[in-house]
């Protein structure tokens, strides 16, 4: 699988496209808010880790994300785990920090902050 990205704003929404190399690595969650059935859950993902590979795979220490495949287009990640759940995530990367804002096919919306190990 091949991933490409430019550093320009190709889609005109003012967001910066992310380079795959900025996302690849081992990340630990430092802050999280999940919204399920209208209720907010803070800190559920804190301390959990995810490994994101250049080959388009991810491996998580939490079953709510699981393991699976991902694709980066601009500043958005589209992912699918081995359970068949899908995730749509808008990301911002700054140095060794990455922020996710997204939703899953299970009806969960989330905001996570990750620190690269």
PDB file of N, CA and C in Angstrom:
ATOM      1  N   UNK A   1       0.841  -1.167   0.000  1.00  0.00           N
ATOM      2  CA  UNK A   1       0.000   0.000   0.000  1.00  0.00           C
ATOM      3  C   UNK A   1       0.891   1.238   0.000  1.00  0.00           C
ATOM      4  N   UNK A   2       0.580   2.213  -0.804  1.00  0.00           N
ATOM      5  CA  UNK A   2       1.374   3.423  -0.923  1.00  0.00           C
ATOM      6  C   UNK A   2       0.571   4.604  -0.415  1.00  0.00           C
ATOM      7  N   UNK A   3       1.204   5.452   0.406  1.00  0.00           N
ATOM      8  CA  UNK A   3       0.556   6.645   0.925  1.00  0.00           C
ATOM      9  C   UNK A   3       1.299   7.861   0.416  1.00  0.00           C
ATOM     10  N   UNK A   4       0.563   8.836  -0.056  1.00  0.00           N
ATOM     11  CA  UNK A   4       1.191  10.081  -0.470  1.00  0.00           C
ATOM     12  C   UNK A   4       0.435  11.240   0.131  1.00  0.00           C
ATOM     13  N   UNK A   5       1.139  12.320   0.369  1.00  0.00           N
ATOM     14  CA  UNK A   5       0.508  13.511   0.887  1.00  0.00           C
ATOM     15  C   UNK A   5       1.387  14.705   0.576  1.00  0.00           C
ATOM     16  N   UNK A   6       0.758  15.834   0.395  1.00  0.00           N
ATOM     17  CA  UNK A   6       1.478  17.082   0.170  1.00  0.00           C
ATOM     18  C   UNK A   6       1.358  17.943   1.416  1.00  0.00           C
ATOM     19  N   UNK A   7       2.178  18.983   1.511  1.00  0.00           N
ATOM     20  CA  UNK A   7       2.095  19.851   2.669  1.00  0.00           C
ATOM     21  C   UNK A   7       1.207  21.058   2.397  1.00  0.00           C
ATOM     22  N   UNK A   8       0.579  21.096   1.256  1.00  0.00           N
ATOM     23  CA  UNK A   8      -0.294  22.224   0.931  1.00  0.00           C
ATOM     24  C   UNK A   8      -1.721  21.908   1.334  1.00  0.00           C
ATOM     25  N   UNK A   9      -2.568  22.921   1.227  1.00  0.00           N
ATOM     26  CA  UNK A   9      -3.984  22.759   1.521  1.00  0.00           C
ATOM     27  C   UNK A   9      -4.708  22.451   0.218  1.00  0.00           C
ATOM     28  N   UNK A  10      -4.732  21.167  -0.158  1.00  0.00           N
ATOM     29  CA  UNK A  10      -5.324  20.776  -1.432  1.00  0.00           C
ATOM     30  C   UNK A  10      -6.842  20.862  -1.450  1.00  0.00           C
ATOM     31  N   UNK A  11      -7.479  20.737  -0.291  1.00  0.00           N
ATOM     32  CA  UNK A  11      -8.934  20.687  -0.277  1.00  0.00           C
ATOM     33  C   UNK A  11      -9.577  22.036   0.042  1.00  0.00           C
ATOM     34  N   UNK A  12      -8.786  23.081   0.277  1.00  0.00           N
ATOM     35  CA  UNK A  12      -9.315  24.416   0.446  1.00  0.00           C
ATOM     36  C   UNK A  12     -10.008  24.701   1.759  1.00  0.00           C
ATOM     37  N   UNK A  13      -9.917  23.797   2.733  1.00  0.00           N
ATOM     38  CA  UNK A  13     -10.611  24.036   4.002  1.00  0.00           C
ATOM     39  C   UNK A  13      -9.722  24.698   5.051  1.00  0.00           C
ATOM     40  N   UNK A  14      -8.505  25.099   4.671  1.00  0.00           N
ATOM     41  CA  UNK A  14      -7.613  25.782   5.596  1.00  0.00           C
ATOM     42  C   UNK A  14      -6.775  24.848   6.447  1.00  0.00           C
ATOM     43  N   UNK A  15      -7.010  23.557   6.353  1.00  0.00           N
ATOM     44  CA  UNK A  15      -6.258  22.592   7.153  1.00  0.00           C
ATOM     45  C   UNK A  15      -4.975  22.210   6.425  1.00  0.00           C
ATOM     46  N   UNK A  16      -3.975  21.796   7.197  1.00  0.00           N
ATOM     47  CA  UNK A  16      -2.693  21.394   6.626  1.00  0.00           C
ATOM     48  C   UNK A  16      -2.710  19.898   6.364  1.00  0.00           C
ATOM     49  N   UNK A  17      -2.353  19.504   5.145  1.00  0.00           N
ATOM     50  CA  UNK A  17      -2.220  18.086   4.845  1.00  0.00           C
ATOM     51  C   UNK A  17      -1.076  17.517   5.671  1.00  0.00           C
ATOM     52  N   UNK A  18      -1.220  16.280   6.090  1.00  0.00           N
ATOM     53  CA  UNK A  18      -0.262  15.608   6.956  1.00  0.00           C
ATOM     54  C   UNK A  18       0.575  14.643   6.129  1.00  0.00           C
ATOM     55  N   UNK A  19       1.867  14.599   6.400  1.00  0.00           N
ATOM     56  CA  UNK A  19       2.772  13.649   5.774  1.00  0.00           C
ATOM     57  C   UNK A  19       2.691  12.337   6.558  1.00  0.00           C
ATOM     58  N   UNK A  20       2.677  11.223   5.866  1.00  0.00           N
ATOM     59  CA  UNK A  20       2.583   9.904   6.510  1.00  0.00           C
ATOM     60  C   UNK A  20       3.642   9.729   7.597  1.00  0.00           C
ATOM     61  N   UNK A  21       4.860  10.209   7.342  1.00  0.00           N
ATOM     62  CA  UNK A  21       5.940  10.041   8.323  1.00  0.00           C
ATOM     63  C   UNK A  21       5.634  10.745   9.644  1.00  0.00           C
ATOM     64  N   UNK A  22       4.786  11.760   9.629  1.00  0.00           N
ATOM     65  CA  UNK A  22       4.401  12.447  10.864  1.00  0.00           C
ATOM     66  C   UNK A  22       3.498  11.575  11.736  1.00  0.00           C
ATOM     67  N   UNK A  23       2.801  10.648  11.125  1.00  0.00           N
ATOM     68  CA  UNK A  23       1.811   9.808  11.822  1.00  0.00           C
ATOM     69  C   UNK A  23       2.404   8.472  12.269  1.00  0.00           C
ATOM     70  N   UNK A  24       3.336   7.948  11.492  1.00  0.00           N
ATOM     71  CA  UNK A  24       3.923   6.632  11.764  1.00  0.00           C
ATOM     72  C   UNK A  24       4.693   6.655  13.085  1.00  0.00           C
ATOM     73  N   UNK A  25       4.500   5.611  13.895  1.00  0.00           N
ATOM     74  CA  UNK A  25       5.237   5.479  15.146  1.00  0.00           C
ATOM     75  C   UNK A  25       4.368   4.921  16.255  1.00  0.00           C
ATOM     76  N   UNK A  26       4.914   4.951  17.457  1.00  0.00           N
ATOM     77  CA  UNK A  26       4.195   4.496  18.657  1.00  0.00           C
ATOM     78  C   UNK A  26       3.754   5.730  19.422  1.00  0.00           C
ATOM     79  N   UNK A  27       2.473   5.776  19.749  1.00  0.00           N
ATOM     80  CA  UNK A  27       1.858   6.923  20.395  1.00  0.00           C
ATOM     81  C   UNK A  27       1.157   6.492  21.677  1.00  0.00           C
ATOM     82  N   UNK A  28       1.207   7.344  22.708  1.00  0.00           N
ATOM     83  CA  UNK A  28       0.501   7.104  23.962  1.00  0.00           C
ATOM     84  C   UNK A  28      -0.501   8.234  24.176  1.00  0.00           C
ATOM     85  N   UNK A  29      -1.723   7.870  24.536  1.00  0.00           N
ATOM     86  CA  UNK A  29      -2.782   8.856  24.739  1.00  0.00           C
ATOM     87  C   UNK A  29      -2.552   9.608  26.055  1.00  0.00           C
ATOM     88  N   UNK A  30      -2.596  10.953  25.979  1.00  0.00           N
ATOM     89  CA  UNK A  30      -2.383  11.791  27.156  1.00  0.00           C
ATOM     90  C   UNK A  30      -3.664  12.507  27.597  1.00  0.00           C
ATOM     91  N   UNK A  31      -4.661  12.572  26.726  1.00  0.00           N
ATOM     92  CA  UNK A  31      -5.947  13.191  27.068  1.00  0.00           C
ATOM     93  C   UNK A  31      -7.012  12.614  26.146  1.00  0.00           C
ATOM     94  N   UNK A  32      -8.203  12.378  26.697  1.00  0.00           N
ATOM     95  CA  UNK A  32      -9.266  11.819  25.855  1.00  0.00           C
ATOM     96  C   UNK A  32     -10.643  12.217  26.368  1.00  0.00           C
ATOM     97  N   UNK A  33     -11.530  12.443  25.407  1.00  0.00           N
ATOM     98  CA  UNK A  33     -12.950  12.623  25.699  1.00  0.00           C
ATOM     99  C   UNK A  33     -13.717  11.828  24.656  1.00  0.00           C
ATOM    100  N   UNK A  34     -14.569  10.933  25.137  1.00  0.00           N
ATOM    101  CA  UNK A  34     -15.447  10.156  24.269  1.00  0.00           C
ATOM    102  C   UNK A  34     -16.879  10.578  24.553  1.00  0.00           C
ATOM    103  N   UNK A  35     -17.699  10.604  23.514  1.00  0.00           N
ATOM    104  CA  UNK A  35     -19.112  10.896  23.700  1.00  0.00           C
ATOM    105  C   UNK A  35     -19.902   9.698  23.193  1.00  0.00           C
ATOM    106  N   UNK A  36     -20.643   9.061  24.111  1.00  0.00           N
ATOM    107  CA  UNK A  36     -21.420   7.868  23.797  1.00  0.00           C
ATOM    108  C   UNK A  36     -22.837   8.104  24.284  1.00  0.00           C
ATOM    109  N   UNK A  37     -23.820   7.955  23.404  1.00  0.00           N
ATOM    110  CA  UNK A  37     -25.232   8.145  23.762  1.00  0.00           C
ATOM    111  C   UNK A  37     -25.453   9.462  24.495  1.00  0.00           C
ATOM    112  N   UNK A  38     -24.776  10.523  24.038  1.00  0.00           N
ATOM    113  CA  UNK A  38     -24.947  11.842  24.636  1.00  0.00           C
ATOM    114  C   UNK A  38     -24.193  12.068  25.935  1.00  0.00           C
ATOM    115  N   UNK A  39     -23.490  11.050  26.428  1.00  0.00           N
ATOM    116  CA  UNK A  39     -22.734  11.175  27.671  1.00  0.00           C
ATOM    117  C   UNK A  39     -21.245  11.282  27.372  1.00  0.00           C
ATOM    118  N   UNK A  40     -20.567  12.211  28.060  1.00  0.00           N
ATOM    119  CA  UNK A  40     -19.120  12.377  27.888  1.00  0.00           C
ATOM    120  C   UNK A  40     -18.362  11.532  28.894  1.00  0.00           C
ATOM    121  N   UNK A  41     -17.331  10.877  28.393  1.00  0.00           N
ATOM    122  CA  UNK A  41     -16.435  10.081  29.233  1.00  0.00           C
ATOM    123  C   UNK A  41     -15.042  10.666  29.062  1.00  0.00           C
ATOM    124  N   UNK A  42     -14.468  11.163  30.139  1.00  0.00           N
ATOM    125  CA  UNK A  42     -13.150  11.785  30.085  1.00  0.00           C
ATOM    126  C   UNK A  42     -12.096  10.829  30.632  1.00  0.00           C
ATOM    127  N   UNK A  43     -10.980  10.701  29.916  1.00  0.00           N
ATOM    128  CA  UNK A  43      -9.836   9.934  30.398  1.00  0.00           C
ATOM    129  C   UNK A  43      -9.837   8.450  30.105  1.00  0.00           C
ATOM    130  N   UNK A  44     -10.847   7.938  29.413  1.00  0.00           N
ATOM    131  CA  UNK A  44     -10.943   6.504  29.141  1.00  0.00           C
ATOM    132  C   UNK A  44      -9.718   5.957  28.403  1.00  0.00           C
ATOM    133  N   UNK A  45      -9.184   6.734  27.467  1.00  0.00           N
ATOM    134  CA  UNK A  45      -8.072   6.256  26.637  1.00  0.00           C
ATOM    135  C   UNK A  45      -6.697   6.632  27.181  1.00  0.00           C
ATOM    136  N   UNK A  46      -6.637   7.464  28.208  1.00  0.00           N
ATOM    137  CA  UNK A  46      -5.349   7.938  28.735  1.00  0.00           C
ATOM    138  C   UNK A  46      -4.484   6.761  29.168  1.00  0.00           C
ATOM    139  N   UNK A  47      -3.236   6.751  28.703  1.00  0.00           N
ATOM    140  CA  UNK A  47      -2.303   5.670  29.009  1.00  0.00           C
ATOM    141  C   UNK A  47      -2.300   4.549  27.990  1.00  0.00           C
ATOM    142  N   UNK A  48      -3.313   4.501  27.125  1.00  0.00           N
ATOM    143  CA  UNK A  48      -3.356   3.486  26.069  1.00  0.00           C
ATOM    144  C   UNK A  48      -2.398   3.875  24.949  1.00  0.00           C
ATOM    145  N   UNK A  49      -1.947   2.886  24.189  1.00  0.00           N
ATOM    146  CA  UNK A  49      -0.996   3.135  23.108  1.00  0.00           C
ATOM    147  C   UNK A  49      -1.514   2.610  21.783  1.00  0.00           C
ATOM    148  N   UNK A  50      -0.979   3.190  20.719  1.00  0.00           N
ATOM    149  CA  UNK A  50      -1.264   2.707  19.371  1.00  0.00           C
ATOM    150  C   UNK A  50       0.038   2.763  18.570  1.00  0.00           C
ATOM    151  N   UNK A  51       0.267   1.720  17.796  1.00  0.00           N
ATOM    152  CA  UNK A  51       1.399   1.685  16.876  1.00  0.00           C
ATOM    153  C   UNK A  51       0.809   1.843  15.481  1.00  0.00           C
ATOM    154  N   UNK A  52       1.307   2.831  14.737  1.00  0.00           N
ATOM    155  CA  UNK A  52       0.849   3.097  13.382  1.00  0.00           C
ATOM    156  C   UNK A  52       2.030   2.842  12.449  1.00  0.00           C
ATOM    157  N   UNK A  53       1.839   1.931  11.490  1.00  0.00           N
ATOM    158  CA  UNK A  53       2.943   1.568  10.595  1.00  0.00           C
ATOM    159  C   UNK A  53       2.805   2.224   9.229  1.00  0.00           C
ATOM    160  N   UNK A  54       3.936   2.377   8.566  1.00  0.00           N
ATOM    161  CA  UNK A  54       3.963   2.957   7.223  1.00  0.00           C
ATOM    162  C   UNK A  54       3.242   2.059   6.219  1.00  0.00           C
ATOM    163  N   UNK A  55       3.129   0.776   6.525  1.00  0.00           N
ATOM    164  CA  UNK A  55       2.471  -0.182   5.632  1.00  0.00           C
ATOM    165  C   UNK A  55       0.956  -0.133   5.720  1.00  0.00           C
ATOM    166  N   UNK A  56       0.405   0.810   6.502  1.00  0.00           N
ATOM    167  CA  UNK A  56      -1.043   0.950   6.580  1.00  0.00           C
ATOM    168  C   UNK A  56      -1.711   0.078   7.624  1.00  0.00           C
ATOM    169  N   UNK A  57      -0.977  -0.340   8.633  1.00  0.00           N
ATOM    170  CA  UNK A  57      -1.539  -1.158   9.725  1.00  0.00           C
ATOM    171  C   UNK A  57      -1.483  -0.360  11.028  1.00  0.00           C
ATOM    172  N   UNK A  58      -2.382  -0.702  11.964  1.00  0.00           N
ATOM    173  CA  UNK A  58      -2.295  -0.149  13.306  1.00  0.00           C
ATOM    174  C   UNK A  58      -2.577  -1.245  14.328  1.00  0.00           C
ATOM    175  N   UNK A  59      -1.976  -1.078  15.517  1.00  0.00           N
ATOM    176  CA  UNK A  59      -2.096  -2.041  16.605  1.00  0.00           C
ATOM    177  C   UNK A  59      -2.309  -1.243  17.879  1.00  0.00           C
ATOM    178  N   UNK A  60      -3.416  -1.492  18.578  1.00  0.00           N
ATOM    179  CA  UNK A  60      -3.759  -0.713  19.759  1.00  0.00           C
ATOM    180  C   UNK A  60      -3.801  -1.588  21.011  1.00  0.00           C
ATOM    181  N   UNK A  61      -3.507  -0.978  22.154  1.00  0.00           N
ATOM    182  CA  UNK A  61      -3.589  -1.704  23.425  1.00  0.00           C
ATOM    183  C   UNK A  61      -5.014  -1.735  23.975  1.00  0.00           C
ATOM    184  N   UNK A  62      -5.947  -1.096  23.312  1.00  0.00           N
ATOM    185  CA  UNK A  62      -7.333  -1.094  23.771  1.00  0.00           C
ATOM    186  C   UNK A  62      -8.247  -1.770  22.752  1.00  0.00           C
ATOM    187  N   UNK A  63      -9.171  -2.565  23.244  1.00  0.00           N
ATOM    188  CA  UNK A  63     -10.079  -3.285  22.344  1.00  0.00           C
ATOM    189  C   UNK A  63     -11.062  -2.342  21.655  1.00  0.00           C
ATOM    190  N   UNK A  64     -11.300  -1.150  22.201  1.00  0.00           N
ATOM    191  CA  UNK A  64     -12.237  -0.223  21.556  1.00  0.00           C
ATOM    192  C   UNK A  64     -11.697   0.292  20.219  1.00  0.00           C
ATOM    193  N   UNK A  65     -10.376   0.299  20.054  1.00  0.00           N
ATOM    194  CA  UNK A  65      -9.781   0.634  18.757  1.00  0.00           C
ATOM    195  C   UNK A  65      -9.361  -0.649  18.054  1.00  0.00           C
ATOM    196  N   UNK A  66      -8.697  -1.543  18.757  1.00  0.00           N
ATOM    197  CA  UNK A  66      -8.284  -2.820  18.184  1.00  0.00           C
ATOM    198  C   UNK A  66      -7.115  -2.676  17.230  1.00  0.00           C
ATOM    199  N   UNK A  67      -7.004  -3.617  16.319  1.00  0.00           N
ATOM    200  CA  UNK A  67      -5.969  -3.650  15.292  1.00  0.00           C
ATOM    201  C   UNK A  67      -6.652  -3.567  13.938  1.00  0.00           C
ATOM    202  N   UNK A  68      -5.929  -3.062  12.941  1.00  0.00           N
ATOM    203  CA  UNK A  68      -6.542  -2.993  11.621  1.00  0.00           C
ATOM    204  C   UNK A  68      -5.694  -2.258  10.613  1.00  0.00           C
ATOM    205  N   UNK A  69      -6.378  -1.621   9.650  1.00  0.00           N
ATOM    206  CA  UNK A  69      -5.716  -0.912   8.568  1.00  0.00           C
ATOM    207  C   UNK A  69      -6.159   0.547   8.559  1.00  0.00           C
ATOM    208  N   UNK A  70      -5.290   1.395   7.977  1.00  0.00           N
ATOM    209  CA  UNK A  70      -5.606   2.817   7.916  1.00  0.00           C
ATOM    210  C   UNK A  70      -5.106   3.424   6.619  1.00  0.00           C
ATOM    211  N   UNK A  71      -5.682   4.579   6.272  1.00  0.00           N
ATOM    212  CA  UNK A  71      -5.268   5.325   5.089  1.00  0.00           C
ATOM    213  C   UNK A  71      -5.342   6.805   5.433  1.00  0.00           C
ATOM    214  N   UNK A  72      -4.338   7.558   4.988  1.00  0.00           N
ATOM    215  CA  UNK A  72      -4.270   8.996   5.219  1.00  0.00           C
ATOM    216  C   UNK A  72      -4.537   9.732   3.919  1.00  0.00           C
ATOM    217  N   UNK A  73      -5.508  10.641   3.956  1.00  0.00           N
ATOM    218  CA  UNK A  73      -5.800  11.498   2.811  1.00  0.00           C
ATOM    219  C   UNK A  73      -5.880  12.925   3.343  1.00  0.00           C
ATOM    220  N   UNK A  74      -4.881  13.741   2.987  1.00  0.00           N
ATOM    221  CA  UNK A  74      -4.844  15.120   3.477  1.00  0.00           C
ATOM    222  C   UNK A  74      -4.557  15.149   4.969  1.00  0.00           C
ATOM    223  N   UNK A  75      -5.554  15.567   5.748  1.00  0.00           N
ATOM    224  CA  UNK A  75      -5.424  15.572   7.201  1.00  0.00           C
ATOM    225  C   UNK A  75      -6.466  14.646   7.841  1.00  0.00           C
ATOM    226  N   UNK A  76      -6.921  13.658   7.064  1.00  0.00           N
ATOM    227  CA  UNK A  76      -7.951  12.733   7.555  1.00  0.00           C
ATOM    228  C   UNK A  76      -7.466  11.285   7.454  1.00  0.00           C
ATOM    229  N   UNK A  77      -7.736  10.547   8.532  1.00  0.00           N
ATOM    230  CA  UNK A  77      -7.445   9.117   8.550  1.00  0.00           C
ATOM    231  C   UNK A  77      -8.767   8.364   8.445  1.00  0.00           C
ATOM    232  N   UNK A  78      -8.783   7.402   7.564  1.00  0.00           N
ATOM    233  CA  UNK A  78      -9.886   6.460   7.451  1.00  0.00           C
ATOM    234  C   UNK A  78      -9.331   5.116   7.898  1.00  0.00           C
ATOM    235  N   UNK A  79      -9.964   4.486   8.887  1.00  0.00           N
ATOM    236  CA  UNK A  79      -9.425   3.239   9.441  1.00  0.00           C
ATOM    237  C   UNK A  79     -10.538   2.203   9.612  1.00  0.00           C
ATOM    238  N   UNK A  80     -10.127   0.935   9.595  1.00  0.00           N
ATOM    239  CA  UNK A  80     -11.058  -0.169   9.826  1.00  0.00           C
ATOM    240  C   UNK A  80     -10.343  -1.210  10.667  1.00  0.00           C
ATOM    241  N   UNK A  81     -10.973  -1.624  11.773  1.00  0.00           N
ATOM    242  CA  UNK A  81     -10.340  -2.638  12.612  1.00  0.00           C
ATOM    243  C   UNK A  81     -10.792  -4.039  12.217  1.00  0.00           C
ATOM    244  N   UNK A  82     -10.206  -5.036  12.847  1.00  0.00           N
ATOM    245  CA  UNK A  82     -10.480  -6.434  12.498  1.00  0.00           C
ATOM    246  C   UNK A  82     -11.888  -6.858  12.898  1.00  0.00           C
ATOM    247  N   UNK A  83     -12.579  -6.065  13.721  1.00  0.00           N
ATOM    248  CA  UNK A  83     -13.980  -6.342  14.079  1.00  0.00           C
ATOM    249  C   UNK A  83     -14.941  -5.810  13.026  1.00  0.00           C
ATOM    250  N   UNK A  84     -14.409  -4.993  12.076  1.00  0.00           N
ATOM    251  CA  UNK A  84     -15.246  -4.391  11.053  1.00  0.00           C
ATOM    252  C   UNK A  84     -15.704  -2.981  11.386  1.00  0.00           C
ATOM    253  N   UNK A  85     -15.306  -2.460  12.551  1.00  0.00           N
ATOM    254  CA  UNK A  85     -15.643  -1.085  12.918  1.00  0.00           C
ATOM    255  C   UNK A  85     -14.811  -0.117  12.080  1.00  0.00           C
ATOM    256  N   UNK A  86     -15.410   0.989  11.680  1.00  0.00           N
ATOM    257  CA  UNK A  86     -14.690   1.999  10.908  1.00  0.00           C
ATOM    258  C   UNK A  86     -14.556   3.283  11.721  1.00  0.00           C
ATOM    259  N   UNK A  87     -13.510   4.046  11.401  1.00  0.00           N
ATOM    260  CA  UNK A  87     -13.215   5.291  12.100  1.00  0.00           C
ATOM    261  C   UNK A  87     -12.904   6.364  11.066  1.00  0.00           C
ATOM    262  N   UNK A  88     -13.445   7.552  11.279  1.00  0.00           N
ATOM    263  CA  UNK A  88     -13.150   8.713  10.455  1.00  0.00           C
ATOM    264  C   UNK A  88     -12.560   9.763  11.385  1.00  0.00           C
ATOM    265  N   UNK A  89     -11.292  10.144  11.127  1.00  0.00           N
ATOM    266  CA  UNK A  89     -10.549  10.970  12.074  1.00  0.00           C
ATOM    267  C   UNK A  89      -9.889  12.140  11.352  1.00  0.00           C
ATOM    268  N   UNK A  90     -10.092  13.346  11.876  1.00  0.00           N
ATOM    269  CA  UNK A  90      -9.348  14.511  11.429  1.00  0.00           C
ATOM    270  C   UNK A  90      -8.182  14.680  12.390  1.00  0.00           C
ATOM    271  N   UNK A  91      -6.976  14.858  11.855  1.00  0.00           N
ATOM    272  CA  UNK A  91      -5.798  14.921  12.713  1.00  0.00           C
ATOM    273  C   UNK A  91      -5.025  16.221  12.529  1.00  0.00           C
ATOM    274  N   UNK A  92      -4.358  16.602  13.598  1.00  0.00           N
ATOM    275  CA  UNK A  92      -3.417  17.716  13.597  1.00  0.00           C
ATOM    276  C   UNK A  92      -2.156  17.203  14.270  1.00  0.00           C
ATOM    277  N   UNK A  93      -1.014  17.344  13.604  1.00  0.00           N
ATOM    278  CA  UNK A  93       0.261  16.909  14.171  1.00  0.00           C
ATOM    279  C   UNK A  93       1.144  18.129  14.358  1.00  0.00           C
ATOM    280  N   UNK A  94       1.722  18.229  15.553  1.00  0.00           N
ATOM    281  CA  UNK A  94       2.653  19.303  15.861  1.00  0.00           C
ATOM    282  C   UNK A  94       3.804  18.707  16.659  1.00  0.00           C
ATOM    283  N   UNK A  95       4.954  18.510  15.996  1.00  0.00           N
ATOM    284  CA  UNK A  95       6.098  17.897  16.661  1.00  0.00           C
ATOM    285  C   UNK A  95       5.781  16.476  17.085  1.00  0.00           C
ATOM    286  N   UNK A  96       5.889  16.197  18.398  1.00  0.00           N
ATOM    287  CA  UNK A  96       5.634  14.847  18.901  1.00  0.00           C
ATOM    288  C   UNK A  96       4.223  14.705  19.473  1.00  0.00           C
ATOM    289  N   UNK A  97       3.313  15.623  19.122  1.00  0.00           N
ATOM    290  CA  UNK A  97       1.922  15.537  19.571  1.00  0.00           C
ATOM    291  C   UNK A  97       0.988  15.430  18.384  1.00  0.00           C
ATOM    292  N   UNK A  98      -0.049  14.609  18.557  1.00  0.00           N
ATOM    293  CA  UNK A  98      -1.053  14.427  17.520  1.00  0.00           C
ATOM    294  C   UNK A  98      -2.425  14.506  18.179  1.00  0.00           C
ATOM    295  N   UNK A  99      -3.326  15.268  17.559  1.00  0.00           N
ATOM    296  CA  UNK A  99      -4.699  15.376  18.061  1.00  0.00           C
ATOM    297  C   UNK A  99      -5.651  14.739  17.071  1.00  0.00           C
ATOM    298  N   UNK A 100      -6.572  13.953  17.620  1.00  0.00           N
ATOM    299  CA  UNK A 100      -7.606  13.305  16.817  1.00  0.00           C
ATOM    300  C   UNK A 100      -8.957  13.884  17.189  1.00  0.00           C
ATOM    301  N   UNK A 101      -9.780  14.128  16.187  1.00  0.00           N
ATOM    302  CA  UNK A 101     -11.180  14.474  16.378  1.00  0.00           C
ATOM    303  C   UNK A 101     -11.950  13.616  15.387  1.00  0.00           C
ATOM    304  N   UNK A 102     -12.806  12.743  15.886  1.00  0.00           N
ATOM    305  CA  UNK A 102     -13.449  11.831  14.949  1.00  0.00           C
ATOM    306  C   UNK A 102     -14.650  11.114  15.490  1.00  0.00           C
ATOM    307  N   UNK A 103     -15.047  10.095  14.722  1.00  0.00           N
ATOM    308  CA  UNK A 103     -16.200   9.279  15.097  1.00  0.00           C
ATOM    309  C   UNK A 103     -15.989   7.853  14.594  1.00  0.00           C
ATOM    310  N   UNK A 104     -16.735   6.940  15.207  1.00  0.00           N
ATOM    311  CA  UNK A 104     -16.656   5.536  14.804  1.00  0.00           C
ATOM    312  C   UNK A 104     -18.018   5.055  14.326  1.00  0.00           C
ATOM    313  N   UNK A 105     -18.015   3.928  13.633  1.00  0.00           N
ATOM    314  CA  UNK A 105     -19.263   3.328  13.162  1.00  0.00           C
ATOM    315  C   UNK A 105     -20.106   2.807  14.318  1.00  0.00           C
ATOM    316  N   UNK A 106     -19.552   2.771  15.524  1.00  0.00           N
ATOM    317  CA  UNK A 106     -20.293   2.350  16.717  1.00  0.00           C
ATOM    318  C   UNK A 106     -21.057   3.502  17.363  1.00  0.00           C
ATOM    319  N   UNK A 107     -21.010   4.700  16.734  1.00  0.00           N
ATOM    320  CA  UNK A 107     -21.745   5.841  17.244  1.00  0.00           C
ATOM    321  C   UNK A 107     -21.014   6.639  18.314  1.00  0.00           C
ATOM    322  N   UNK A 108     -19.716   6.426  18.428  1.00  0.00           N
ATOM    323  CA  UNK A 108     -18.902   7.142  19.412  1.00  0.00           C
ATOM    324  C   UNK A 108     -18.180   8.286  18.711  1.00  0.00           C
ATOM    325  N   UNK A 109     -18.238   9.489  19.307  1.00  0.00           N
ATOM    326  CA  UNK A 109     -17.400  10.578  18.827  1.00  0.00           C
ATOM    327  C   UNK A 109     -16.290  10.780  19.849  1.00  0.00           C
ATOM    328  N   UNK A 110     -15.139  11.251  19.395  1.00  0.00           N
ATOM    329  CA  UNK A 110     -13.989  11.300  20.309  1.00  0.00           C
ATOM    330  C   UNK A 110     -13.024  12.419  19.950  1.00  0.00           C
ATOM    331  N   UNK A 111     -12.302  12.853  20.968  1.00  0.00           N
ATOM    332  CA  UNK A 111     -11.191  13.797  20.849  1.00  0.00           C
ATOM    333  C   UNK A 111     -10.058  13.237  21.687  1.00  0.00           C
ATOM    334  N   UNK A 112      -8.932  12.908  21.040  1.00  0.00           N
ATOM    335  CA  UNK A 112      -7.788  12.322  21.731  1.00  0.00           C
ATOM    336  C   UNK A 112      -6.537  13.147  21.454  1.00  0.00           C
ATOM    337  N   UNK A 113      -5.682  13.227  22.445  1.00  0.00           N
ATOM    338  CA  UNK A 113      -4.353  13.811  22.269  1.00  0.00           C
ATOM    339  C   UNK A 113      -3.340  12.708  22.533  1.00  0.00           C
ATOM    340  N   UNK A 114      -2.391  12.551  21.604  1.00  0.00           N
ATOM    341  CA  UNK A 114      -1.377  11.504  21.659  1.00  0.00           C
ATOM    342  C   UNK A 114       0.005  12.144  21.724  1.00  0.00           C
ATOM    343  N   UNK A 115       0.931  11.470  22.411  1.00  0.00           N
ATOM    344  CA  UNK A 115       2.325  11.884  22.444  1.00  0.00           C
ATOM    345  C   UNK A 115       3.161  10.757  21.865  1.00  0.00           C
ATOM    346  N   UNK A 116       4.060  11.110  20.922  1.00  0.00           N
ATOM    347  CA  UNK A 116       4.902  10.102  20.291  1.00  0.00           C
ATOM    348  C   UNK A 116       5.961   9.625  21.276  1.00  0.00           C
ATOM    349  N   UNK A 117       6.098   8.316  21.367  1.00  0.00           N
ATOM    350  CA  UNK A 117       7.079   7.722  22.288  1.00  0.00           C
ATOM    351  C   UNK A 117       8.473   7.806  21.715  1.00  0.00           C
TER     352      UNK A 117
END
